[in-house]
Amino acid sequence: MEILGSVSFEGHFNKCFDGLKETQQEELINWVRNCRDHKISPIQSKKDRKIIGFVKKFGSNLRTILTKEKEGYFLELFLDKHKYYESEMSKLGF
């Protein structure tokens, strides 16, 4: 299923996605669609003004970040545990 075109998957995406309940997997897919359709408000990177991001929390420990060029393409979808999320957010300037 293609939602965003060519996007890289970061963090331990496959392992974390496979560990989600089916309803949570569907929730993540719907969230990505809503980001694509401009239904979710983005946050602005402080390090690169051309990059915006969307953030979602799953349960108490999993986080996802979807990054996009401000006037362009989606770049990467990050899914991992909270401690890796914090370092990714810092790296991206969010």
PDB file of N, CA and C in Angstrom:
ATOM      1  N   MET A   1       0.849  -1.173   0.000  1.00  0.00           N
ATOM      2  CA  MET A   1       0.000   0.000   0.000  1.00  0.00           C
ATOM      3  C   MET A   1       0.893   1.234   0.000  1.00  0.00           C
ATOM      4  N   GLU A   2       0.684   2.122  -0.931  1.00  0.00           N
ATOM      5  CA  GLU A   2       1.472   3.343  -1.015  1.00  0.00           C
ATOM      6  C   GLU A   2       0.621   4.517  -0.565  1.00  0.00           C
ATOM      7  N   ILE A   3       1.147   5.268   0.411  1.00  0.00           N
ATOM      8  CA  ILE A   3       0.432   6.435   0.912  1.00  0.00           C
ATOM      9  C   ILE A   3       1.209   7.702   0.600  1.00  0.00           C
ATOM     10  N   LEU A   4       2.534   7.660   0.822  1.00  0.00           N
ATOM     11  CA  LEU A   4       3.349   8.861   0.727  1.00  0.00           C
ATOM     12  C   LEU A   4       4.321   8.876  -0.433  1.00  0.00           C
ATOM     13  N   GLY A   5       4.400   7.848  -1.211  1.00  0.00           N
ATOM     14  CA  GLY A   5       5.425   7.771  -2.235  1.00  0.00           C
ATOM     15  C   GLY A   5       6.691   7.189  -1.633  1.00  0.00           C
ATOM     16  N   SER A   6       7.820   7.720  -2.018  1.00  0.00           N
ATOM     17  CA  SER A   6       9.099   7.195  -1.554  1.00  0.00           C
ATOM     18  C   SER A   6       9.496   7.884  -0.249  1.00  0.00           C
ATOM     19  N   VAL A   7       9.485   7.117   0.828  1.00  0.00           N
ATOM     20  CA  VAL A   7       9.823   7.646   2.144  1.00  0.00           C
ATOM     21  C   VAL A   7      10.711   6.622   2.838  1.00  0.00           C
ATOM     22  N   SER A   8      11.690   7.098   3.623  1.00  0.00           N
ATOM     23  CA  SER A   8      12.535   6.145   4.351  1.00  0.00           C
ATOM     24  C   SER A   8      11.940   5.874   5.725  1.00  0.00           C
ATOM     25  N   PHE A   9      12.178   4.690   6.221  1.00  0.00           N
ATOM     26  CA  PHE A   9      11.685   4.282   7.529  1.00  0.00           C
ATOM     27  C   PHE A   9      12.857   4.260   8.488  1.00  0.00           C
ATOM     28  N   GLU A  10      12.721   5.005   9.585  1.00  0.00           N
ATOM     29  CA  GLU A  10      13.817   5.176  10.532  1.00  0.00           C
ATOM     30  C   GLU A  10      13.458   4.579  11.886  1.00  0.00           C
ATOM     31  N   GLY A  11      14.466   4.531  12.757  1.00  0.00           N
ATOM     32  CA  GLY A  11      14.277   3.915  14.067  1.00  0.00           C
ATOM     33  C   GLY A  11      14.195   2.407  13.874  1.00  0.00           C
ATOM     34  N   HIS A  12      13.538   1.759  14.772  1.00  0.00           N
ATOM     35  CA  HIS A  12      13.296   0.319  14.652  1.00  0.00           C
ATOM     36  C   HIS A  12      11.879   0.131  14.124  1.00  0.00           C
ATOM     37  N   PHE A  13      11.604   0.751  12.966  1.00  0.00           N
ATOM     38  CA  PHE A  13      10.239   0.844  12.458  1.00  0.00           C
ATOM     39  C   PHE A  13       9.572  -0.519  12.335  1.00  0.00           C
ATOM     40  N   ASN A  14      10.175  -1.424  11.592  1.00  0.00           N
ATOM     41  CA  ASN A  14       9.519  -2.719  11.348  1.00  0.00           C
ATOM     42  C   ASN A  14       9.240  -3.467  12.642  1.00  0.00           C
ATOM     43  N   LYS A  15      10.217  -3.517  13.517  1.00  0.00           N
ATOM     44  CA  LYS A  15      10.045  -4.232  14.792  1.00  0.00           C
ATOM     45  C   LYS A  15       8.931  -3.591  15.627  1.00  0.00           C
ATOM     46  N   CYS A  16       8.942  -2.266  15.702  1.00  0.00           N
ATOM     47  CA  CYS A  16       7.920  -1.568  16.495  1.00  0.00           C
ATOM     48  C   CYS A  16       6.541  -1.691  15.855  1.00  0.00           C
ATOM     49  N   PHE A  17       6.468  -1.548  14.522  1.00  0.00           N
ATOM     50  CA  PHE A  17       5.180  -1.647  13.833  1.00  0.00           C
ATOM     51  C   PHE A  17       4.590  -3.038  14.014  1.00  0.00           C
ATOM     52  N   ASP A  18       5.425  -4.068  13.867  1.00  0.00           N
ATOM     53  CA  ASP A  18       4.945  -5.442  14.041  1.00  0.00           C
ATOM     54  C   ASP A  18       4.476  -5.695  15.468  1.00  0.00           C
ATOM     55  N   GLY A  19       5.021  -4.950  16.426  1.00  0.00           N
ATOM     56  CA  GLY A  19       4.631  -5.108  17.823  1.00  0.00           C
ATOM     57  C   GLY A  19       3.343  -4.396  18.194  1.00  0.00           C
ATOM     58  N   LEU A  20       2.855  -3.517  17.312  1.00  0.00           N
ATOM     59  CA  LEU A  20       1.601  -2.825  17.569  1.00  0.00           C
ATOM     60  C   LEU A  20       0.419  -3.760  17.358  1.00  0.00           C
ATOM     61  N   LYS A  21      -0.645  -3.516  18.103  1.00  0.00           N
ATOM     62  CA  LYS A  21      -1.892  -4.232  17.848  1.00  0.00           C
ATOM     63  C   LYS A  21      -2.410  -3.811  16.479  1.00  0.00           C
ATOM     64  N   GLU A  22      -3.224  -4.651  15.875  1.00  0.00           N
ATOM     65  CA  GLU A  22      -3.750  -4.344  14.551  1.00  0.00           C
ATOM     66  C   GLU A  22      -4.495  -3.006  14.537  1.00  0.00           C
ATOM     67  N   THR A  23      -5.240  -2.719  15.578  1.00  0.00           N
ATOM     68  CA  THR A  23      -5.965  -1.440  15.639  1.00  0.00           C
ATOM     69  C   THR A  23      -4.992  -0.262  15.702  1.00  0.00           C
ATOM     70  N   GLN A  24      -3.855  -0.435  16.385  1.00  0.00           N
ATOM     71  CA  GLN A  24      -2.843   0.621  16.441  1.00  0.00           C
ATOM     72  C   GLN A  24      -2.141   0.782  15.098  1.00  0.00           C
ATOM     73  N   GLN A  25      -1.917  -0.321  14.390  1.00  0.00           N
ATOM     74  CA  GLN A  25      -1.332  -0.239  13.053  1.00  0.00           C
ATOM     75  C   GLN A  25      -2.257   0.553  12.126  1.00  0.00           C
ATOM     76  N   GLU A  26      -3.551   0.264  12.204  1.00  0.00           N
ATOM     77  CA  GLU A  26      -4.530   0.994  11.396  1.00  0.00           C
ATOM     78  C   GLU A  26      -4.565   2.466  11.791  1.00  0.00           C
ATOM     79  N   GLU A  27      -4.464   2.736  13.087  1.00  0.00           N
ATOM     80  CA  GLU A  27      -4.444   4.111  13.575  1.00  0.00           C
ATOM     81  C   GLU A  27      -3.235   4.865  13.014  1.00  0.00           C
ATOM     82  N   LEU A  28      -2.077   4.219  12.981  1.00  0.00           N
ATOM     83  CA  LEU A  28      -0.870   4.835  12.433  1.00  0.00           C
ATOM     84  C   LEU A  28      -1.039   5.126  10.942  1.00  0.00           C
ATOM     85  N   ILE A  29      -1.570   4.187  10.205  1.00  0.00           N
ATOM     86  CA  ILE A  29      -1.787   4.381   8.763  1.00  0.00           C
ATOM     87  C   ILE A  29      -2.767   5.530   8.521  1.00  0.00           C
ATOM     88  N   ASN A  30      -3.843   5.585   9.292  1.00  0.00           N
ATOM     89  CA  ASN A  30      -4.813   6.678   9.148  1.00  0.00           C
ATOM     90  C   ASN A  30      -4.202   8.018   9.527  1.00  0.00           C
ATOM     91  N   TRP A  31      -3.354   8.021  10.559  1.00  0.00           N
ATOM     92  CA  TRP A  31      -2.670   9.244  10.970  1.00  0.00           C
ATOM     93  C   TRP A  31      -1.771   9.756   9.839  1.00  0.00           C
ATOM     94  N   VAL A  32      -1.031   8.850   9.197  1.00  0.00           N
ATOM     95  CA  VAL A  32      -0.166   9.236   8.076  1.00  0.00           C
ATOM     96  C   VAL A  32      -1.011   9.833   6.955  1.00  0.00           C
ATOM     97  N   ARG A  33      -2.135   9.220   6.654  1.00  0.00           N
ATOM     98  CA  ARG A  33      -3.037   9.764   5.623  1.00  0.00           C
ATOM     99  C   ARG A  33      -3.518  11.169   6.007  1.00  0.00           C
ATOM    100  N   ASN A  34      -3.873  11.343   7.277  1.00  0.00           N
ATOM    101  CA  ASN A  34      -4.330  12.654   7.735  1.00  0.00           C
ATOM    102  C   ASN A  34      -3.224  13.702   7.641  1.00  0.00           C
ATOM    103  N   CYS A  35      -1.979  13.308   7.911  1.00  0.00           N
ATOM    104  CA  CYS A  35      -0.849  14.232   7.733  1.00  0.00           C
ATOM    105  C   CYS A  35      -0.731  14.618   6.262  1.00  0.00           C
ATOM    106  N   ARG A  36      -0.795  13.635   5.401  1.00  0.00           N
ATOM    107  CA  ARG A  36      -0.711  13.875   3.949  1.00  0.00           C
ATOM    108  C   ARG A  36      -1.818  14.816   3.483  1.00  0.00           C
ATOM    109  N   ASP A  37      -3.018  14.663   4.048  1.00  0.00           N
ATOM    110  CA  ASP A  37      -4.186  15.435   3.616  1.00  0.00           C
ATOM    111  C   ASP A  37      -4.333  16.759   4.369  1.00  0.00           C
ATOM    112  N   HIS A  38      -3.288  17.172   5.090  1.00  0.00           N
ATOM    113  CA  HIS A  38      -3.253  18.450   5.816  1.00  0.00           C
ATOM    114  C   HIS A  38      -4.302  18.559   6.915  1.00  0.00           C
ATOM    115  N   LYS A  39      -4.663  17.444   7.531  1.00  0.00           N
ATOM    116  CA  LYS A  39      -5.634  17.438   8.619  1.00  0.00           C
ATOM    117  C   LYS A  39      -4.959  17.488   9.991  1.00  0.00           C
ATOM    118  N   ILE A  40      -3.633  17.346  10.011  1.00  0.00           N
ATOM    119  CA  ILE A  40      -2.842  17.382  11.243  1.00  0.00           C
ATOM    120  C   ILE A  40      -1.912  18.579  11.154  1.00  0.00           C
ATOM    121  N   SER A  41      -1.822  19.354  12.222  1.00  0.00           N
ATOM    122  CA  SER A  41      -0.939  20.521  12.238  1.00  0.00           C
ATOM    123  C   SER A  41       0.512  20.091  12.457  1.00  0.00           C
ATOM    124  N   PRO A  42       1.415  20.600  11.610  1.00  0.00           N
ATOM    125  CA  PRO A  42       2.834  20.242  11.759  1.00  0.00           C
ATOM    126  C   PRO A  42       3.547  21.127  12.770  1.00  0.00           C
ATOM    127  N   ILE A  43       4.754  20.685  13.147  1.00  0.00           N
ATOM    128  CA  ILE A  43       5.658  21.510  13.936  1.00  0.00           C
ATOM    129  C   ILE A  43       6.827  21.887  13.039  1.00  0.00           C
ATOM    130  N   GLN A  44       7.447  23.012  13.327  1.00  0.00           N
ATOM    131  CA  GLN A  44       8.537  23.547  12.515  1.00  0.00           C
ATOM    132  C   GLN A  44       9.888  23.189  13.113  1.00  0.00           C
ATOM    133  N   SER A  45      10.816  22.736  12.269  1.00  0.00           N
ATOM    134  CA  SER A  45      12.178  22.472  12.725  1.00  0.00           C
ATOM    135  C   SER A  45      12.875  23.792  13.008  1.00  0.00           C
ATOM    136  N   LYS A  46      13.600  23.854  14.125  1.00  0.00           N
ATOM    137  CA  LYS A  46      14.363  25.053  14.463  1.00  0.00           C
ATOM    138  C   LYS A  46      15.736  25.032  13.793  1.00  0.00           C
ATOM    139  N   LYS A  47      16.174  23.865  13.344  1.00  0.00           N
ATOM    140  CA  LYS A  47      17.481  23.737  12.699  1.00  0.00           C
ATOM    141  C   LYS A  47      17.405  23.950  11.191  1.00  0.00           C
ATOM    142  N   ASP A  48      16.306  23.558  10.578  1.00  0.00           N
ATOM    143  CA  ASP A  48      16.143  23.670   9.137  1.00  0.00           C
ATOM    144  C   ASP A  48      14.724  24.147   8.857  1.00  0.00           C
ATOM    145  N   ARG A  49      14.582  25.411   8.513  1.00  0.00           N
ATOM    146  CA  ARG A  49      13.257  26.013   8.331  1.00  0.00           C
ATOM    147  C   ARG A  49      12.482  25.412   7.150  1.00  0.00           C
ATOM    148  N   LYS A  50      13.143  24.597   6.339  1.00  0.00           N
ATOM    149  CA  LYS A  50      12.475  23.962   5.205  1.00  0.00           C
ATOM    150  C   LYS A  50      11.826  22.636   5.602  1.00  0.00           C
ATOM    151  N   ILE A  51      12.028  22.213   6.856  1.00  0.00           N
ATOM    152  CA  ILE A  51      11.526  20.911   7.316  1.00  0.00           C
ATOM    153  C   ILE A  51      10.411  21.112   8.345  1.00  0.00           C
ATOM    154  N   ILE A  52       9.320  20.376   8.163  1.00  0.00           N
ATOM    155  CA  ILE A  52       8.248  20.329   9.149  1.00  0.00           C
ATOM    156  C   ILE A  52       8.070  18.877   9.582  1.00  0.00           C
ATOM    157  N   GLY A  53       7.426  18.692  10.717  1.00  0.00           N
ATOM    158  CA  GLY A  53       7.228  17.340  11.229  1.00  0.00           C
ATOM    159  C   GLY A  53       5.863  17.179  11.877  1.00  0.00           C
ATOM    160  N   PHE A  54       5.469  15.941  11.974  1.00  0.00           N
ATOM    161  CA  PHE A  54       4.226  15.543  12.620  1.00  0.00           C
ATOM    162  C   PHE A  54       4.593  14.494  13.659  1.00  0.00           C
ATOM    163  N   VAL A  55       3.998  14.585  14.835  1.00  0.00           N
ATOM    164  CA  VAL A  55       4.370  13.696  15.944  1.00  0.00           C
ATOM    165  C   VAL A  55       3.132  13.001  16.487  1.00  0.00           C
ATOM    166  N   LYS A  56       3.280  11.712  16.797  1.00  0.00           N
ATOM    167  CA  LYS A  56       2.188  10.946  17.398  1.00  0.00           C
ATOM    168  C   LYS A  56       2.759  10.002  18.444  1.00  0.00           C
ATOM    169  N   LYS A  57       2.037   9.876  19.557  1.00  0.00           N
ATOM    170  CA  LYS A  57       2.421   8.965  20.636  1.00  0.00           C
ATOM    171  C   LYS A  57       1.526   7.730  20.587  1.00  0.00           C
ATOM    172  N   PHE A  58       2.146   6.581  20.814  1.00  0.00           N
ATOM    173  CA  PHE A  58       1.412   5.323  20.911  1.00  0.00           C
ATOM    174  C   PHE A  58       1.688   4.726  22.276  1.00  0.00           C
ATOM    175  N   GLY A  59       0.656   4.622  23.092  1.00  0.00           N
ATOM    176  CA  GLY A  59       0.833   4.057  24.423  1.00  0.00           C
ATOM    177  C   GLY A  59       1.791   4.898  25.245  1.00  0.00           C
ATOM    178  N   SER A  60       2.470   4.253  26.166  1.00  0.00           N
ATOM    179  CA  SER A  60       3.357   4.997  27.058  1.00  0.00           C
ATOM    180  C   SER A  60       4.789   5.048  26.554  1.00  0.00           C
ATOM    181  N   ASN A  61       5.137   4.256  25.523  1.00  0.00           N
ATOM    182  CA  ASN A  61       6.550   4.158  25.178  1.00  0.00           C
ATOM    183  C   ASN A  61       6.883   4.384  23.702  1.00  0.00           C
ATOM    184  N   LEU A  62       5.961   4.259  22.787  1.00  0.00           N
ATOM    185  CA  LEU A  62       6.284   4.407  21.364  1.00  0.00           C
ATOM    186  C   LEU A  62       5.897   5.784  20.841  1.00  0.00           C
ATOM    187  N   ARG A  63       6.760   6.302  19.971  1.00  0.00           N
ATOM    188  CA  ARG A  63       6.530   7.602  19.350  1.00  0.00           C
ATOM    189  C   ARG A  63       6.826   7.490  17.861  1.00  0.00           C
ATOM    190  N   THR A  64       6.129   8.303  17.079  1.00  0.00           N
ATOM    191  CA  THR A  64       6.405   8.354  15.647  1.00  0.00           C
ATOM    192  C   THR A  64       6.565   9.806  15.212  1.00  0.00           C
ATOM    193  N   ILE A  65       7.467  10.014  14.267  1.00  0.00           N
ATOM    194  CA  ILE A  65       7.723  11.333  13.693  1.00  0.00           C
ATOM    195  C   ILE A  65       7.686  11.166  12.178  1.00  0.00           C
ATOM    196  N   LEU A  66       6.879  11.979  11.522  1.00  0.00           N
ATOM    197  CA  LEU A  66       6.829  12.005  10.071  1.00  0.00           C
ATOM    198  C   LEU A  66       7.395  13.350   9.643  1.00  0.00           C
ATOM    199  N   THR A  67       8.465  13.347   8.848  1.00  0.00           N
ATOM    200  CA  THR A  67       9.069  14.604   8.410  1.00  0.00           C
ATOM    201  C   THR A  67       8.771  14.848   6.935  1.00  0.00           C
ATOM    202  N   LYS A  68       8.736  16.144   6.593  1.00  0.00           N
ATOM    203  CA  LYS A  68       8.362  16.554   5.242  1.00  0.00           C
ATOM    204  C   LYS A  68       9.083  17.843   4.891  1.00  0.00           C
ATOM    205  N   GLU A  69       9.456  17.982   3.630  1.00  0.00           N
ATOM    206  CA  GLU A  69       9.934  19.268   3.142  1.00  0.00           C
ATOM    207  C   GLU A  69       8.734  20.202   3.152  1.00  0.00           C
ATOM    208  N   LYS A  70       8.933  21.437   3.590  1.00  0.00           N
ATOM    209  CA  LYS A  70       7.822  22.367   3.755  1.00  0.00           C
ATOM    210  C   LYS A  70       6.956  22.491   2.498  1.00  0.00           C
ATOM    211  N   GLU A  71       7.567  22.615   1.367  1.00  0.00           N
ATOM    212  CA  GLU A  71       6.820  22.749   0.113  1.00  0.00           C
ATOM    213  C   GLU A  71       7.114  21.576  -0.821  1.00  0.00           C
ATOM    214  N   GLY A  72       7.398  20.406  -0.235  1.00  0.00           N
ATOM    215  CA  GLY A  72       7.812  19.301  -1.082  1.00  0.00           C
ATOM    216  C   GLY A  72       7.329  17.950  -0.605  1.00  0.00           C
ATOM    217  N   TYR A  73       8.250  17.011  -0.610  1.00  0.00           N
ATOM    218  CA  TYR A  73       7.945  15.608  -0.378  1.00  0.00           C
ATOM    219  C   TYR A  73       8.106  15.200   1.083  1.00  0.00           C
ATOM    220  N   PHE A  74       7.429  14.110   1.447  1.00  0.00           N
ATOM    221  CA  PHE A  74       7.662  13.489   2.739  1.00  0.00           C
ATOM    222  C   PHE A  74       9.026  12.821   2.697  1.00  0.00           C
ATOM    223  N   LEU A  75       9.757  12.873   3.819  1.00  0.00           N
ATOM    224  CA  LEU A  75      11.128  12.392   3.854  1.00  0.00           C
ATOM    225  C   LEU A  75      11.280  11.065   4.578  1.00  0.00           C
ATOM    226  N   GLU A  76      10.840  11.029   5.845  1.00  0.00           N
ATOM    227  CA  GLU A  76      11.020   9.796   6.611  1.00  0.00           C
ATOM    228  C   GLU A  76       9.932   9.631   7.653  1.00  0.00           C
ATOM    229  N   LEU A  77       9.699   8.378   7.992  1.00  0.00           N
ATOM    230  CA  LEU A  77       8.748   8.009   9.033  1.00  0.00           C
ATOM    231  C   LEU A  77       9.524   7.256  10.096  1.00  0.00           C
ATOM    232  N   PHE A  78       9.615   7.859  11.266  1.00  0.00           N
ATOM    233  CA  PHE A  78      10.374   7.313  12.387  1.00  0.00           C
ATOM    234  C   PHE A  78       9.392   6.704  13.378  1.00  0.00           C
ATOM    235  N   LEU A  79       9.677   5.493  13.834  1.00  0.00           N
ATOM    236  CA  LEU A  79       8.878   4.842  14.870  1.00  0.00           C
ATOM    237  C   LEU A  79       9.825   4.093  15.788  1.00  0.00           C
ATOM    238  N   ASP A  80       9.789   4.453  17.073  1.00  0.00           N
ATOM    239  CA  ASP A  80      10.688   3.798  18.016  1.00  0.00           C
ATOM    240  C   ASP A  80      10.266   4.134  19.442  1.00  0.00           C
ATOM    241  N   LYS A  81      11.034   3.599  20.386  1.00  0.00           N
ATOM    242  CA  LYS A  81      10.768   3.831  21.800  1.00  0.00           C
ATOM    243  C   LYS A  81      11.072   5.277  22.171  1.00  0.00           C
ATOM    244  N   HIS A  82      10.509   5.699  23.293  1.00  0.00           N
ATOM    245  CA  HIS A  82      10.582   7.074  23.733  1.00  0.00           C
ATOM    246  C   HIS A  82      12.012   7.612  23.805  1.00  0.00           C
ATOM    247  N   LYS A  83      12.961   6.837  24.312  1.00  0.00           N
ATOM    248  CA  LYS A  83      14.321   7.370  24.475  1.00  0.00           C
ATOM    249  C   LYS A  83      14.972   7.666  23.125  1.00  0.00           C
ATOM    250  N   TYR A  84      14.695   6.876  22.089  1.00  0.00           N
ATOM    251  CA  TYR A  84      15.240   7.140  20.766  1.00  0.00           C
ATOM    252  C   TYR A  84      14.518   8.316  20.109  1.00  0.00           C
ATOM    253  N   TYR A  85      13.244   8.439  20.415  1.00  0.00           N
ATOM    254  CA  TYR A  85      12.431   9.551  19.912  1.00  0.00           C
ATOM    255  C   TYR A  85      13.014  10.881  20.369  1.00  0.00           C
ATOM    256  N   GLU A  86      13.411  10.975  21.636  1.00  0.00           N
ATOM    257  CA  GLU A  86      13.970  12.219  22.160  1.00  0.00           C
ATOM    258  C   GLU A  86      15.219  12.642  21.388  1.00  0.00           C
ATOM    259  N   SER A  87      16.106  11.691  21.110  1.00  0.00           N
ATOM    260  CA  SER A  87      17.326  12.039  20.378  1.00  0.00           C
ATOM    261  C   SER A  87      17.004  12.395  18.920  1.00  0.00           C
ATOM    262  N   GLU A  88      16.032  11.735  18.324  1.00  0.00           N
ATOM    263  CA  GLU A  88      15.629  12.047  16.951  1.00  0.00           C
ATOM    264  C   GLU A  88      15.013  13.443  16.877  1.00  0.00           C
ATOM    265  N   MET A  89      14.179  13.783  17.839  1.00  0.00           N
ATOM    266  CA  MET A  89      13.574  15.117  17.884  1.00  0.00           C
ATOM    267  C   MET A  89      14.665  16.187  17.995  1.00  0.00           C
ATOM    268  N   SER A  90      15.645  15.938  18.824  1.00  0.00           N
ATOM    269  CA  SER A  90      16.750  16.884  18.990  1.00  0.00           C
ATOM    270  C   SER A  90      17.556  17.004  17.697  1.00  0.00           C
ATOM    271  N   LYS A  91      17.850  15.877  17.075  1.00  0.00           N
ATOM    272  CA  LYS A  91      18.610  15.867  15.823  1.00  0.00           C
ATOM    273  C   LYS A  91      17.896  16.659  14.728  1.00  0.00           C
ATOM    274  N   LEU A  92      16.576  16.546  14.680  1.00  0.00           N
ATOM    275  CA  LEU A  92      15.787  17.226  13.653  1.00  0.00           C
ATOM    276  C   LEU A  92      15.488  18.688  13.996  1.00  0.00           C
ATOM    277  N   GLY A  93      15.706  19.073  15.247  1.00  0.00           N
ATOM    278  CA  GLY A  93      15.466  20.458  15.644  1.00  0.00           C
ATOM    279  C   GLY A  93      14.034  20.756  16.037  1.00  0.00           C
ATOM    280  N   PHE A  94      13.309  19.754  16.489  1.00  0.00           N
ATOM    281  CA  PHE A  94      11.918  19.964  16.922  1.00  0.00           C
ATOM    282  C   PHE A  94      11.854  20.143  18.428  1.00  0.00           C
TER     283      PHE A  94
END
